[in-house]
Amino acid sequence: MTTMEGERVAFTEEGRPGQCLELVASGDVDDTMLEALEDYVKRQRKRLTRPTRTEDDAGGSETGNG
């Protein structure tokens, strides 16, 4: 990844082939930035654990209101 002036790669993690996570930072990483990162991780975890709805689960309703 190419970073802009003043940015640095603060963290890199490689998962499966073709899967990589990089955290790019500029300036000091303070408590506010860490809280924002924690909020992001929490939202992503919710997305991953939320059951996906199929057409059968939704009762065939196109609006998903069931």
PDB file of N, CA and C in Angstrom:
ATOM      1  N   MET A   1       0.844  -1.180   0.000  1.00  0.00           N
ATOM      2  CA  MET A   1       0.000   0.000   0.000  1.00  0.00           C
ATOM      3  C   MET A   1       0.886   1.239   0.000  1.00  0.00           C
ATOM      4  N   THR A   2       0.504   2.199  -0.765  1.00  0.00           N
ATOM      5  CA  THR A   2       1.226   3.464  -0.802  1.00  0.00           C
ATOM      6  C   THR A   2       0.602   4.418   0.204  1.00  0.00           C
ATOM      7  N   THR A   3       1.417   4.985   1.051  1.00  0.00           N
ATOM      8  CA  THR A   3       0.921   5.937   2.033  1.00  0.00           C
ATOM      9  C   THR A   3       1.236   7.353   1.573  1.00  0.00           C
ATOM     10  N   MET A   4       0.428   8.287   2.040  1.00  0.00           N
ATOM     11  CA  MET A   4       0.644   9.686   1.717  1.00  0.00           C
ATOM     12  C   MET A   4       1.653  10.267   2.700  1.00  0.00           C
ATOM     13  N   GLU A   5       2.146  11.444   2.398  1.00  0.00           N
ATOM     14  CA  GLU A   5       3.123  12.089   3.257  1.00  0.00           C
ATOM     15  C   GLU A   5       2.570  12.242   4.675  1.00  0.00           C
ATOM     16  N   GLY A   6       3.354  11.869   5.660  1.00  0.00           N
ATOM     17  CA  GLY A   6       2.942  11.967   7.047  1.00  0.00           C
ATOM     18  C   GLY A   6       2.206  10.746   7.572  1.00  0.00           C
ATOM     19  N   GLU A   7       1.897   9.799   6.691  1.00  0.00           N
ATOM     20  CA  GLU A   7       1.213   8.580   7.115  1.00  0.00           C
ATOM     21  C   GLU A   7       2.218   7.450   7.300  1.00  0.00           C
ATOM     22  N   ARG A   8       1.834   6.475   8.102  1.00  0.00           N
ATOM     23  CA  ARG A   8       2.656   5.291   8.294  1.00  0.00           C
ATOM     24  C   ARG A   8       1.732   4.091   8.502  1.00  0.00           C
ATOM     25  N   VAL A   9       2.211   2.928   8.125  1.00  0.00           N
ATOM     26  CA  VAL A   9       1.473   1.694   8.391  1.00  0.00           C
ATOM     27  C   VAL A   9       1.778   1.325   9.835  1.00  0.00           C
ATOM     28  N   ALA A  10       0.751   1.396  10.689  1.00  0.00           N
ATOM     29  CA  ALA A  10       0.928   1.150  12.114  1.00  0.00           C
ATOM     30  C   ALA A  10       0.749  -0.324  12.461  1.00  0.00           C
ATOM     31  N   PHE A  11       0.027  -1.063  11.599  1.00  0.00           N
ATOM     32  CA  PHE A  11      -0.276  -2.464  11.897  1.00  0.00           C
ATOM     33  C   PHE A  11      -0.611  -3.171  10.602  1.00  0.00           C
ATOM     34  N   THR A  12      -0.115  -4.383  10.448  1.00  0.00           N
ATOM     35  CA  THR A  12      -0.434  -5.226   9.297  1.00  0.00           C
ATOM     36  C   THR A  12      -0.671  -6.645   9.781  1.00  0.00           C
ATOM     37  N   GLU A  13      -1.720  -7.251   9.268  1.00  0.00           N
ATOM     38  CA  GLU A  13      -2.018  -8.656   9.584  1.00  0.00           C
ATOM     39  C   GLU A  13      -2.433  -9.348   8.298  1.00  0.00           C
ATOM     40  N   GLU A  14      -1.789 -10.474   8.006  1.00  0.00           N
ATOM     41  CA  GLU A  14      -2.158 -11.261   6.840  1.00  0.00           C
ATOM     42  C   GLU A  14      -2.953 -12.463   7.299  1.00  0.00           C
ATOM     43  N   GLY A  15      -4.081 -12.699   6.644  1.00  0.00           N
ATOM     44  CA  GLY A  15      -4.908 -13.863   6.941  1.00  0.00           C
ATOM     45  C   GLY A  15      -4.707 -14.912   5.876  1.00  0.00           C
ATOM     46  N   ARG A  16      -5.786 -15.297   5.252  1.00  0.00           N
ATOM     47  CA  ARG A  16      -5.729 -16.239   4.136  1.00  0.00           C
ATOM     48  C   ARG A  16      -5.028 -15.581   2.952  1.00  0.00           C
ATOM     49  N   PRO A  17      -4.634 -16.365   1.955  1.00  0.00           N
ATOM     50  CA  PRO A  17      -4.070 -15.750   0.751  1.00  0.00           C
ATOM     51  C   PRO A  17      -5.062 -14.735   0.166  1.00  0.00           C
ATOM     52  N   GLY A  18      -4.586 -13.556  -0.131  1.00  0.00           N
ATOM     53  CA  GLY A  18      -5.442 -12.512  -0.681  1.00  0.00           C
ATOM     54  C   GLY A  18      -6.208 -11.736   0.370  1.00  0.00           C
ATOM     55  N   GLN A  19      -5.937 -11.995   1.649  1.00  0.00           N
ATOM     56  CA  GLN A  19      -6.630 -11.311   2.745  1.00  0.00           C
ATOM     57  C   GLN A  19      -5.588 -10.619   3.613  1.00  0.00           C
ATOM     58  N   CYS A  20      -5.727  -9.289   3.739  1.00  0.00           N
ATOM     59  CA  CYS A  20      -4.757  -8.515   4.501  1.00  0.00           C
ATOM     60  C   CYS A  20      -5.462  -7.336   5.155  1.00  0.00           C
ATOM     61  N   LEU A  21      -5.026  -6.994   6.344  1.00  0.00           N
ATOM     62  CA  LEU A  21      -5.554  -5.832   7.053  1.00  0.00           C
ATOM     63  C   LEU A  21      -4.381  -4.923   7.371  1.00  0.00           C
ATOM     64  N   GLU A  22      -4.489  -3.647   6.979  1.00  0.00           N
ATOM     65  CA  GLU A  22      -3.464  -2.663   7.303  1.00  0.00           C
ATOM     66  C   GLU A  22      -4.118  -1.474   7.979  1.00  0.00           C
ATOM     67  N   LEU A  23      -3.497  -1.020   9.035  1.00  0.00           N
ATOM     68  CA  LEU A  23      -3.955   0.164   9.741  1.00  0.00           C
ATOM     69  C   LEU A  23      -2.965   1.277   9.424  1.00  0.00           C
ATOM     70  N   VAL A  24      -3.446   2.323   8.773  1.00  0.00           N
ATOM     71  CA  VAL A  24      -2.612   3.458   8.397  1.00  0.00           C
ATOM     72  C   VAL A  24      -2.913   4.597   9.353  1.00  0.00           C
ATOM     73  N   ALA A  25      -1.873   5.214   9.895  1.00  0.00           N
ATOM     74  CA  ALA A  25      -2.048   6.285  10.869  1.00  0.00           C
ATOM     75  C   ALA A  25      -1.208   7.492  10.461  1.00  0.00           C
ATOM     76  N   SER A  26      -1.668   8.645  10.907  1.00  0.00           N
ATOM     77  CA  SER A  26      -0.868   9.859  10.808  1.00  0.00           C
ATOM     78  C   SER A  26      -0.997  10.580  12.138  1.00  0.00           C
ATOM     79  N   GLY A  27       0.052  11.207  12.570  1.00  0.00           N
ATOM     80  CA  GLY A  27       0.032  11.868  13.860  1.00  0.00           C
ATOM     81  C   GLY A  27       0.024  10.853  14.992  1.00  0.00           C
ATOM     82  N   ASP A  28      -0.246  11.357  16.187  1.00  0.00           N
ATOM     83  CA  ASP A  28      -0.279  10.495  17.365  1.00  0.00           C
ATOM     84  C   ASP A  28      -1.573   9.695  17.415  1.00  0.00           C
ATOM     85  N   VAL A  29      -1.471   8.443  17.818  1.00  0.00           N
ATOM     86  CA  VAL A  29      -2.651   7.619  18.051  1.00  0.00           C
ATOM     87  C   VAL A  29      -3.005   7.808  19.523  1.00  0.00           C
ATOM     88  N   ASP A  30      -4.041   8.622  19.739  1.00  0.00           N
ATOM     89  CA  ASP A  30      -4.439   8.929  21.117  1.00  0.00           C
ATOM     90  C   ASP A  30      -5.683   8.134  21.501  1.00  0.00           C
ATOM     91  N   ASP A  31      -6.209   8.412  22.686  1.00  0.00           N
ATOM     92  CA  ASP A  31      -7.352   7.680  23.208  1.00  0.00           C
ATOM     93  C   ASP A  31      -8.584   7.826  22.307  1.00  0.00           C
ATOM     94  N   THR A  32      -8.774   8.995  21.738  1.00  0.00           N
ATOM     95  CA  THR A  32      -9.916   9.224  20.838  1.00  0.00           C
ATOM     96  C   THR A  32      -9.830   8.322  19.614  1.00  0.00           C
ATOM     97  N   MET A  33      -8.630   8.212  19.050  1.00  0.00           N
ATOM     98  CA  MET A  33      -8.441   7.363  17.869  1.00  0.00           C
ATOM     99  C   MET A  33      -8.628   5.891  18.226  1.00  0.00           C
ATOM    100  N   LEU A  34      -8.150   5.495  19.397  1.00  0.00           N
ATOM    101  CA  LEU A  34      -8.327   4.100  19.823  1.00  0.00           C
ATOM    102  C   LEU A  34      -9.798   3.777  20.052  1.00  0.00           C
ATOM    103  N   GLU A  35     -10.552   4.713  20.604  1.00  0.00           N
ATOM    104  CA  GLU A  35     -11.993   4.501  20.795  1.00  0.00           C
ATOM    105  C   GLU A  35     -12.701   4.361  19.453  1.00  0.00           C
ATOM    106  N   ALA A  36     -12.303   5.168  18.478  1.00  0.00           N
ATOM    107  CA  ALA A  36     -12.892   5.060  17.140  1.00  0.00           C
ATOM    108  C   ALA A  36     -12.593   3.698  16.528  1.00  0.00           C
ATOM    109  N   LEU A  37     -11.376   3.220  16.720  1.00  0.00           N
ATOM    110  CA  LEU A  37     -11.005   1.904  16.206  1.00  0.00           C
ATOM    111  C   LEU A  37     -11.801   0.802  16.901  1.00  0.00           C
ATOM    112  N   GLU A  38     -11.975   0.912  18.210  1.00  0.00           N
ATOM    113  CA  GLU A  38     -12.779  -0.063  18.947  1.00  0.00           C
ATOM    114  C   GLU A  38     -14.217  -0.078  18.453  1.00  0.00           C
ATOM    115  N   ASP A  39     -14.791   1.094  18.203  1.00  0.00           N
ATOM    116  CA  ASP A  39     -16.161   1.168  17.684  1.00  0.00           C
ATOM    117  C   ASP A  39     -16.264   0.497  16.323  1.00  0.00           C
ATOM    118  N   TYR A  40     -15.280   0.721  15.482  1.00  0.00           N
ATOM    119  CA  TYR A  40     -15.273   0.094  14.161  1.00  0.00           C
ATOM    120  C   TYR A  40     -15.240  -1.431  14.288  1.00  0.00           C
ATOM    121  N   VAL A  41     -14.371  -1.934  15.152  1.00  0.00           N
ATOM    122  CA  VAL A  41     -14.259  -3.385  15.342  1.00  0.00           C
ATOM    123  C   VAL A  41     -15.570  -3.960  15.867  1.00  0.00           C
ATOM    124  N   LYS A  42     -16.211  -3.278  16.811  1.00  0.00           N
ATOM    125  CA  LYS A  42     -17.494  -3.741  17.342  1.00  0.00           C
ATOM    126  C   LYS A  42     -18.554  -3.825  16.251  1.00  0.00           C
ATOM    127  N   ARG A  43     -18.616  -2.805  15.381  1.00  0.00           N
ATOM    128  CA  ARG A  43     -19.588  -2.825  14.279  1.00  0.00           C
ATOM    129  C   ARG A  43     -19.307  -3.966  13.322  1.00  0.00           C
ATOM    130  N   GLN A  44     -18.047  -4.205  13.019  1.00  0.00           N
ATOM    131  CA  GLN A  44     -17.697  -5.292  12.109  1.00  0.00           C
ATOM    132  C   GLN A  44     -18.047  -6.643  12.724  1.00  0.00           C
ATOM    133  N   ARG A  45     -17.797  -6.814  14.016  1.00  0.00           N
ATOM    134  CA  ARG A  45     -18.139  -8.078  14.689  1.00  0.00           C
ATOM    135  C   ARG A  45     -19.649  -8.313  14.640  1.00  0.00           C
ATOM    136  N   LYS A  46     -20.437  -7.255  14.864  1.00  0.00           N
ATOM    137  CA  LYS A  46     -21.898  -7.392  14.782  1.00  0.00           C
ATOM    138  C   LYS A  46     -22.314  -7.836  13.396  1.00  0.00           C
ATOM    139  N   ARG A  47     -21.710  -7.246  12.380  1.00  0.00           N
ATOM    140  CA  ARG A  47     -22.021  -7.629  10.997  1.00  0.00           C
ATOM    141  C   ARG A  47     -21.733  -9.093  10.749  1.00  0.00           C
ATOM    142  N   LEU A  48     -20.610  -9.574  11.255  1.00  0.00           N
ATOM    143  CA  LEU A  48     -20.219 -10.960  11.016  1.00  0.00           C
ATOM    144  C   LEU A  48     -21.086 -11.941  11.775  1.00  0.00           C
ATOM    145  N   THR A  49     -21.585 -11.555  12.940  1.00  0.00           N
ATOM    146  CA  THR A  49     -22.384 -12.480  13.745  1.00  0.00           C
ATOM    147  C   THR A  49     -23.870 -12.374  13.465  1.00  0.00           C
ATOM    148  N   ARG A  50     -24.309 -11.324  12.770  1.00  0.00           N
ATOM    149  CA  ARG A  50     -25.723 -11.156  12.441  1.00  0.00           C
ATOM    150  C   ARG A  50     -26.121 -12.231  11.433  1.00  0.00           C
ATOM    151  N   PRO A  51     -27.195 -12.960  11.708  1.00  0.00           N
ATOM    152  CA  PRO A  51     -27.627 -13.985  10.750  1.00  0.00           C
ATOM    153  C   PRO A  51     -28.085 -13.333   9.448  1.00  0.00           C
ATOM    154  N   THR A  52     -27.688 -13.951   8.346  1.00  0.00           N
ATOM    155  CA  THR A  52     -28.117 -13.432   7.052  1.00  0.00           C
ATOM    156  C   THR A  52     -29.521 -13.941   6.767  1.00  0.00           C
ATOM    157  N   ARG A  53     -30.338 -13.091   6.199  1.00  0.00           N
ATOM    158  CA  ARG A  53     -31.715 -13.459   5.888  1.00  0.00           C
ATOM    159  C   ARG A  53     -31.791 -13.902   4.441  1.00  0.00           C
ATOM    160  N   THR A  54     -32.378 -15.074   4.231  1.00  0.00           N
ATOM    161  CA  THR A  54     -32.632 -15.540   2.877  1.00  0.00           C
ATOM    162  C   THR A  54     -34.091 -15.282   2.565  1.00  0.00           C
ATOM    163  N   GLU A  55     -34.464 -15.491   1.345  1.00  0.00           N
ATOM    164  CA  GLU A  55     -35.865 -15.272   0.953  1.00  0.00           C
ATOM    165  C   GLU A  55     -36.794 -16.174   1.758  1.00  0.00           C
ATOM    166  N   ASP A  56     -36.367 -17.418   2.023  1.00  0.00           N
ATOM    167  CA  ASP A  56     -37.183 -18.340   2.815  1.00  0.00           C
ATOM    168  C   ASP A  56     -37.333 -17.835   4.250  1.00  0.00           C
ATOM    169  N   ASP A  57     -36.264 -17.303   4.834  1.00  0.00           N
ATOM    170  CA  ASP A  57     -36.315 -16.780   6.201  1.00  0.00           C
ATOM    171  C   ASP A  57     -37.264 -15.597   6.306  1.00  0.00           C
ATOM    172  N   ALA A  58     -37.329 -14.796   5.246  1.00  0.00           N
ATOM    173  CA  ALA A  58     -38.159 -13.594   5.248  1.00  0.00           C
ATOM    174  C   ALA A  58     -39.606 -13.902   4.847  1.00  0.00           C
ATOM    175  N   GLY A  59     -39.927 -15.160   4.674  1.00  0.00           N
ATOM    176  CA  GLY A  59     -41.281 -15.530   4.311  1.00  0.00           C
ATOM    177  C   GLY A  59     -41.643 -15.177   2.881  1.00  0.00           C
ATOM    178  N   GLY A  60     -40.610 -15.004   2.045  1.00  0.00           N
ATOM    179  CA  GLY A  60     -40.851 -14.705   0.641  1.00  0.00           C
ATOM    180  C   GLY A  60     -41.172 -13.253   0.396  1.00  0.00           C
ATOM    181  N   SER A  61     -41.172 -12.425   1.408  1.00  0.00           N
ATOM    182  CA  SER A  61     -41.482 -11.014   1.258  1.00  0.00           C
ATOM    183  C   SER A  61     -40.298 -10.278   0.654  1.00  0.00           C
ATOM    184  N   GLU A  62     -40.537  -9.515  -0.403  1.00  0.00           N
ATOM    185  CA  GLU A  62     -39.466  -8.765  -1.025  1.00  0.00           C
ATOM    186  C   GLU A  62     -39.014  -7.600  -0.151  1.00  0.00           C
ATOM    187  N   THR A  63     -39.872  -7.099   0.717  1.00  0.00           N
ATOM    188  CA  THR A  63     -39.497  -5.978   1.560  1.00  0.00           C
ATOM    189  C   THR A  63     -38.768  -6.427   2.817  1.00  0.00           C
ATOM    190  N   GLY A  64     -38.838  -7.702   3.140  1.00  0.00           N
ATOM    191  CA  GLY A  64     -38.177  -8.229   4.326  1.00  0.00           C
ATOM    192  C   GLY A  64     -38.931  -7.924   5.601  1.00  0.00           C
ATOM    193  N   ASN A  65     -40.181  -7.440   5.485  1.00  0.00           N
ATOM    194  CA  ASN A  65     -40.965  -7.127   6.682  1.00  0.00           C
ATOM    195  C   ASN A  65     -41.772  -8.315   7.159  1.00  0.00           C
ATOM    196  N   GLY A  66     -41.653  -9.430   6.462  1.00  0.00           N
ATOM    197  CA  GLY A  66     -42.146 -10.665   6.869  1.00  0.00           C
ATOM    198  C   GLY A  66     -43.449 -11.131   6.958  1.00  0.00           C
TER     199      GLY A  66
END
